[in-house]
Amino acid sequence: MKRAYAIAAIAVGASWATTAWADPPQLKGSYGFTGVAACLTAPGGTPPAPPTTPGTAYTNAGFNGSLQPIDPGTSFTRTYSVEGIRTFDGHGNGWVKGTVVVVLGRPTPGPTGLPSFPPSASSADFKFRFTYVVSGDGSWTATMVPNSYSENIVAGPRTGQTATVDAIPPVSGMISDDGKTLIAAHLAPVVETHSFSNGDVWPEICNRSRVFIKLQDSDNDHDGDDNNGNGHDH
């Protein structure tokens, strides 16, 4: 009898594995999301003198091999919350749109040289395109299409400016059993570059986490512009 049960269990397990491999979870439609994030920014700037060409980072901007700011005296952190919509086309491509609210600390240990600014808050609307893959175990990974990110700042000291990010690092997560809930986060620290229309260039490392819920009738394009990737998630 035990032998019969063991054989039956093996057969069921093999059947499940075959089904999972042959029919992996799918992602299609629009998901609303919220999330939080924090960034360590390393703009550099003192010394040396400011760059002569706007849009060029200071020579001491960025991070060393231990992921520490090269110029810690001008580094700072910002935290933010985000809400938006991420749309999957069912064929490995998608777009994101959303709004972010930011709280920005001043450079540490304080305003000495450049950059120099007081603490502030701000908000912005943003969008970008991405590609994604879904695995048979219910996991998924999305990667931003390079240079597709754009941002319009609508409140705070930079109101009226625009910004870009060269490449937000990939996010990875899991799909719920019914496909209606997703989670995702970065799995490794990666340097990205935030560039502003006034010429500021900020290398930074961010952590981000997101929770997504499937929207009603989300397999359809409601606003008519999604097929062009005109959406926005930071």
Protein backbone atom coordinates (compact mmCIF):
# COMPACT_ATOMS: atom_id res chain seq x y z
CA MET A 1 0.00 0.00 0.00
CA LYS A 2 2.81 2.44 0.88
CA ARG A 3 4.46 1.66 -2.43
CA ALA A 4 1.21 2.47 -4.26
CA TYR A 5 0.90 5.81 -2.44
CA ALA A 6 4.53 6.68 -3.24
CA ILE A 7 4.04 5.92 -6.95
CA ALA A 8 0.85 8.02 -7.00
CA ALA A 9 2.61 10.93 -5.31
CA ILE A 10 5.46 10.82 -7.81
CA ALA A 11 2.99 10.78 -10.68
CA VAL A 12 1.10 13.80 -9.32
CA GLY A 13 4.33 15.70 -8.74
CA ALA A 14 5.56 14.96 -12.24
CA SER A 15 2.22 16.04 -13.70
CA TRP A 16 2.35 19.36 -11.77
CA ALA A 17 5.90 20.04 -12.86
CA THR A 18 5.03 19.37 -16.50
CA THR A 19 2.01 21.66 -16.30
CA ALA A 20 3.98 24.46 -14.62
CA TRP A 21 6.69 24.28 -17.28
CA ALA A 22 4.30 24.06 -20.21
CA ASP A 23 1.92 26.80 -19.02
CA PRO A 24 3.86 29.46 -17.06
CA PRO A 25 2.01 32.44 -15.52
CA GLN A 26 1.20 35.27 -17.89
CA LEU A 27 1.23 39.02 -17.33
CA LYS A 28 -1.13 41.14 -19.40
CA GLY A 29 -3.15 44.23 -18.63
CA SER A 30 -2.79 47.17 -16.26
CA TYR A 31 -1.86 47.01 -12.59
CA GLY A 32 -2.16 49.88 -10.14
CA PHE A 33 0.77 50.17 -7.75
CA THR A 34 2.08 52.01 -4.72
CA GLY A 35 5.53 51.87 -3.22
CA VAL A 36 8.35 53.56 -1.37
CA ALA A 37 11.99 54.23 -2.14
CA ALA A 38 15.14 55.95 -0.93
CA CYS A 39 18.18 57.14 -2.86
CA LEU A 40 21.76 57.91 -1.83
CA THR A 41 22.94 60.68 -4.15
CA ALA A 42 26.60 61.49 -4.82
CA PRO A 43 26.79 64.66 -6.96
CA GLY A 44 30.33 65.67 -5.99
CA GLY A 45 31.34 69.28 -6.49
CA THR A 46 33.68 70.57 -3.77
CA PRO A 47 36.40 70.48 -4.77
CA PRO A 48 36.77 70.85 -7.77
CA ALA A 49 35.13 73.85 -9.42
CA PRO A 50 31.78 73.36 -11.18
CA PRO A 51 31.93 71.81 -14.65
CA THR A 52 32.05 74.26 -17.51
CA THR A 53 29.40 72.42 -19.54
CA PRO A 54 25.86 72.04 -18.13
CA GLY A 55 24.76 68.42 -18.16
CA THR A 56 28.22 67.14 -17.19
CA ALA A 57 28.78 65.54 -13.78
CA TYR A 58 31.49 66.85 -11.45
CA THR A 59 34.75 64.94 -11.73
CA ASN A 60 34.36 63.64 -8.16
CA ALA A 61 30.70 62.63 -8.55
CA GLY A 62 29.57 59.04 -8.14
CA PHE A 63 30.66 56.08 -6.06
CA ASN A 64 33.80 54.07 -5.38
CA GLY A 65 34.13 50.30 -5.64
CA SER A 66 32.60 49.88 -2.18
CA LEU A 67 29.49 51.82 -3.26
CA GLN A 68 30.42 54.81 -1.10
CA PRO A 69 30.25 58.41 -2.39
CA ILE A 70 33.57 59.57 -3.77
CA ASP A 71 32.88 62.97 -2.20
CA PRO A 72 30.95 62.17 1.02
CA GLY A 73 30.87 65.84 2.02
CA THR A 74 28.28 66.58 -0.68
CA SER A 75 26.23 63.39 -0.54
CA PHE A 76 22.60 63.37 0.57
CA THR A 77 19.54 61.14 0.69
CA ARG A 78 16.00 61.50 -0.59
CA THR A 79 12.97 59.39 0.20
CA TYR A 80 9.71 59.18 -1.67
CA SER A 81 6.38 57.47 -2.16
CA VAL A 82 4.92 56.66 -5.55
CA GLU A 83 1.58 55.72 -7.09
CA GLY A 84 0.86 54.79 -10.68
CA ILE A 85 -0.09 52.24 -13.32
CA ARG A 86 2.14 49.60 -14.93
CA THR A 87 0.77 48.05 -18.13
CA PHE A 88 1.93 44.71 -19.58
CA ASP A 89 1.11 43.99 -23.24
CA GLY A 90 1.32 40.20 -22.86
CA HIS A 91 4.29 39.99 -25.24
CA GLY A 92 7.17 41.12 -23.04
CA ASN A 93 6.78 44.90 -23.36
CA GLY A 94 5.06 47.56 -21.29
CA TRP A 95 4.90 51.12 -20.01
CA VAL A 96 4.57 52.87 -16.68
CA LYS A 97 3.06 56.17 -15.56
CA GLY A 98 2.89 57.62 -12.09
CA THR A 99 3.41 60.42 -9.59
CA VAL A 100 6.14 60.64 -6.98
CA VAL A 101 6.29 62.74 -3.79
CA VAL A 102 9.84 63.38 -2.54
CA VAL A 103 11.41 64.52 0.72
CA LEU A 104 14.97 65.71 0.13
CA GLY A 105 17.64 66.20 2.79
CA ARG A 106 20.41 68.76 2.37
CA PRO A 107 23.96 67.68 1.47
CA THR A 108 25.91 66.35 4.42
CA PRO A 109 27.55 67.56 6.59
CA GLY A 110 25.80 70.73 5.38
CA PRO A 111 25.79 73.45 2.72
CA THR A 112 29.53 73.92 2.13
CA GLY A 113 30.56 74.64 -1.43
CA LEU A 114 28.61 72.96 -4.20
CA PRO A 115 25.97 71.62 -4.22
CA SER A 116 24.39 73.74 -1.51
CA PHE A 117 20.66 73.77 -0.78
CA PRO A 118 18.24 73.54 2.16
CA PRO A 119 15.95 70.53 2.76
CA SER A 120 12.80 70.50 0.65
CA ALA A 121 9.82 68.52 -0.63
CA SER A 122 8.62 68.12 -4.21
CA SER A 123 6.44 66.07 -6.56
CA ALA A 124 6.71 64.99 -10.17
CA ASP A 125 4.91 63.02 -12.86
CA PHE A 126 7.01 60.47 -14.74
CA LYS A 127 6.85 57.73 -17.37
CA PHE A 128 9.02 55.08 -19.01
CA ARG A 129 8.89 51.89 -21.06
CA PHE A 130 10.11 48.45 -20.05
CA THR A 131 10.57 44.86 -21.17
CA TYR A 132 9.71 41.88 -18.97
CA VAL A 133 10.01 38.12 -18.66
CA VAL A 134 7.86 35.67 -16.68
CA SER A 135 9.22 32.38 -15.35
CA GLY A 136 7.38 29.13 -14.78
CA ASP A 137 7.85 29.40 -11.00
CA GLY A 138 5.69 32.52 -10.84
CA SER A 139 8.53 35.04 -10.75
CA TRP A 140 8.93 37.99 -13.10
CA THR A 141 11.57 40.57 -13.93
CA ALA A 142 11.16 43.94 -15.64
CA THR A 143 13.93 46.07 -17.14
CA MET A 144 13.54 49.72 -18.12
CA VAL A 145 14.17 50.52 -21.78
CA PRO A 146 17.31 52.71 -21.59
CA ASN A 147 16.73 56.46 -21.91
CA SER A 148 12.92 56.09 -22.02
CA TYR A 149 12.38 57.71 -18.60
CA SER A 150 11.08 61.29 -18.48
CA GLU A 151 9.88 63.37 -15.55
CA ASN A 152 8.01 66.66 -15.16
CA ILE A 153 8.49 68.36 -11.79
CA VAL A 154 5.26 70.02 -10.66
CA ALA A 155 5.98 71.16 -7.07
CA GLY A 156 9.02 72.18 -5.02
CA PRO A 157 12.19 74.19 -5.76
CA ARG A 158 12.59 72.63 -9.21
CA THR A 159 9.01 73.32 -10.37
CA GLY A 160 8.91 73.57 -14.15
CA GLN A 161 12.09 71.58 -14.71
CA THR A 162 12.22 68.20 -16.45
CA ALA A 163 14.52 65.27 -15.72
CA THR A 164 15.67 61.94 -17.12
CA VAL A 165 17.20 58.75 -15.71
CA ASP A 166 19.56 56.74 -17.90
CA ALA A 167 18.48 53.28 -16.71
CA ILE A 168 16.49 52.36 -13.60
CA PRO A 169 17.84 48.96 -12.44
CA PRO A 170 15.67 45.86 -13.03
CA VAL A 171 12.98 44.91 -10.52
CA SER A 172 12.11 41.29 -9.74
CA GLY A 173 9.21 39.77 -7.86
CA MET A 174 6.45 37.19 -7.69
CA ILE A 175 2.95 36.76 -9.14
CA SER A 176 0.06 35.67 -6.92
CA ASP A 177 -1.69 32.40 -7.67
CA ASP A 178 -4.67 34.18 -9.26
CA GLY A 179 -2.46 36.65 -11.16
CA LYS A 180 -4.15 39.68 -9.58
CA THR A 181 -1.36 40.75 -7.23
CA LEU A 182 2.34 41.33 -7.93
CA ILE A 183 5.29 42.35 -5.79
CA ALA A 184 8.66 43.62 -6.98
CA ALA A 185 11.89 45.21 -5.72
CA HIS A 186 15.50 45.74 -6.68
CA LEU A 187 17.72 42.79 -5.78
CA ALA A 188 21.08 44.57 -6.05
CA PRO A 189 22.47 48.13 -5.62
CA VAL A 190 23.19 49.72 -9.01
CA VAL A 191 24.36 53.24 -9.88
CA GLU A 192 21.95 55.24 -12.03
CA THR A 193 22.21 58.83 -13.27
CA HIS A 194 19.49 61.45 -12.69
CA SER A 195 19.89 64.44 -15.04
CA PHE A 196 17.92 67.68 -14.76
CA SER A 197 17.07 70.28 -17.38
CA ASN A 198 19.01 72.98 -15.49
CA GLY A 199 22.23 70.99 -16.08
CA ASP A 200 22.55 69.15 -12.75
CA VAL A 201 23.72 65.52 -13.05
CA TRP A 202 23.30 63.28 -10.00
CA PRO A 203 24.70 59.75 -9.80
CA GLU A 204 22.69 57.81 -7.22
CA ILE A 205 21.88 54.38 -5.83
CA CYS A 206 18.21 53.72 -4.98
CA ASN A 207 16.16 50.99 -3.38
CA ARG A 208 12.55 50.57 -4.54
CA SER A 209 9.71 48.22 -3.65
CA ARG A 210 6.28 47.97 -5.25
CA VAL A 211 2.94 46.21 -4.70
CA PHE A 212 0.62 45.89 -7.72
CA ILE A 213 -3.08 45.02 -8.03
CA LYS A 214 -4.88 44.11 -11.27
CA LEU A 215 -7.27 46.80 -12.47
CA GLN A 216 -10.77 46.06 -13.78
CA ASP A 217 -10.98 45.71 -17.57
CA SER A 218 -7.25 46.32 -17.56
CA ASP A 219 -6.58 44.31 -20.71
CA ASN A 220 -7.97 47.25 -22.67
CA ASP A 221 -6.31 50.56 -23.44
CA HIS A 222 -8.46 53.17 -21.69
CA ASP A 223 -6.64 56.38 -22.55
CA GLY A 224 -5.69 55.57 -26.12
CA ASP A 225 -2.02 56.49 -25.79
CA ASP A 226 -0.66 53.35 -24.12
CA ASN A 227 0.15 51.62 -27.40
CA ASN A 228 2.80 54.28 -27.93
CA GLY A 229 4.37 53.63 -24.54
CA ASN A 230 3.22 57.00 -23.23
CA GLY A 231 2.80 56.11 -19.78
CA HIS A 232 4.96 56.45 -16.32
CA ASP A 233 7.16 54.46 -12.28
CA HIS A 234 10.19 55.68 -10.87
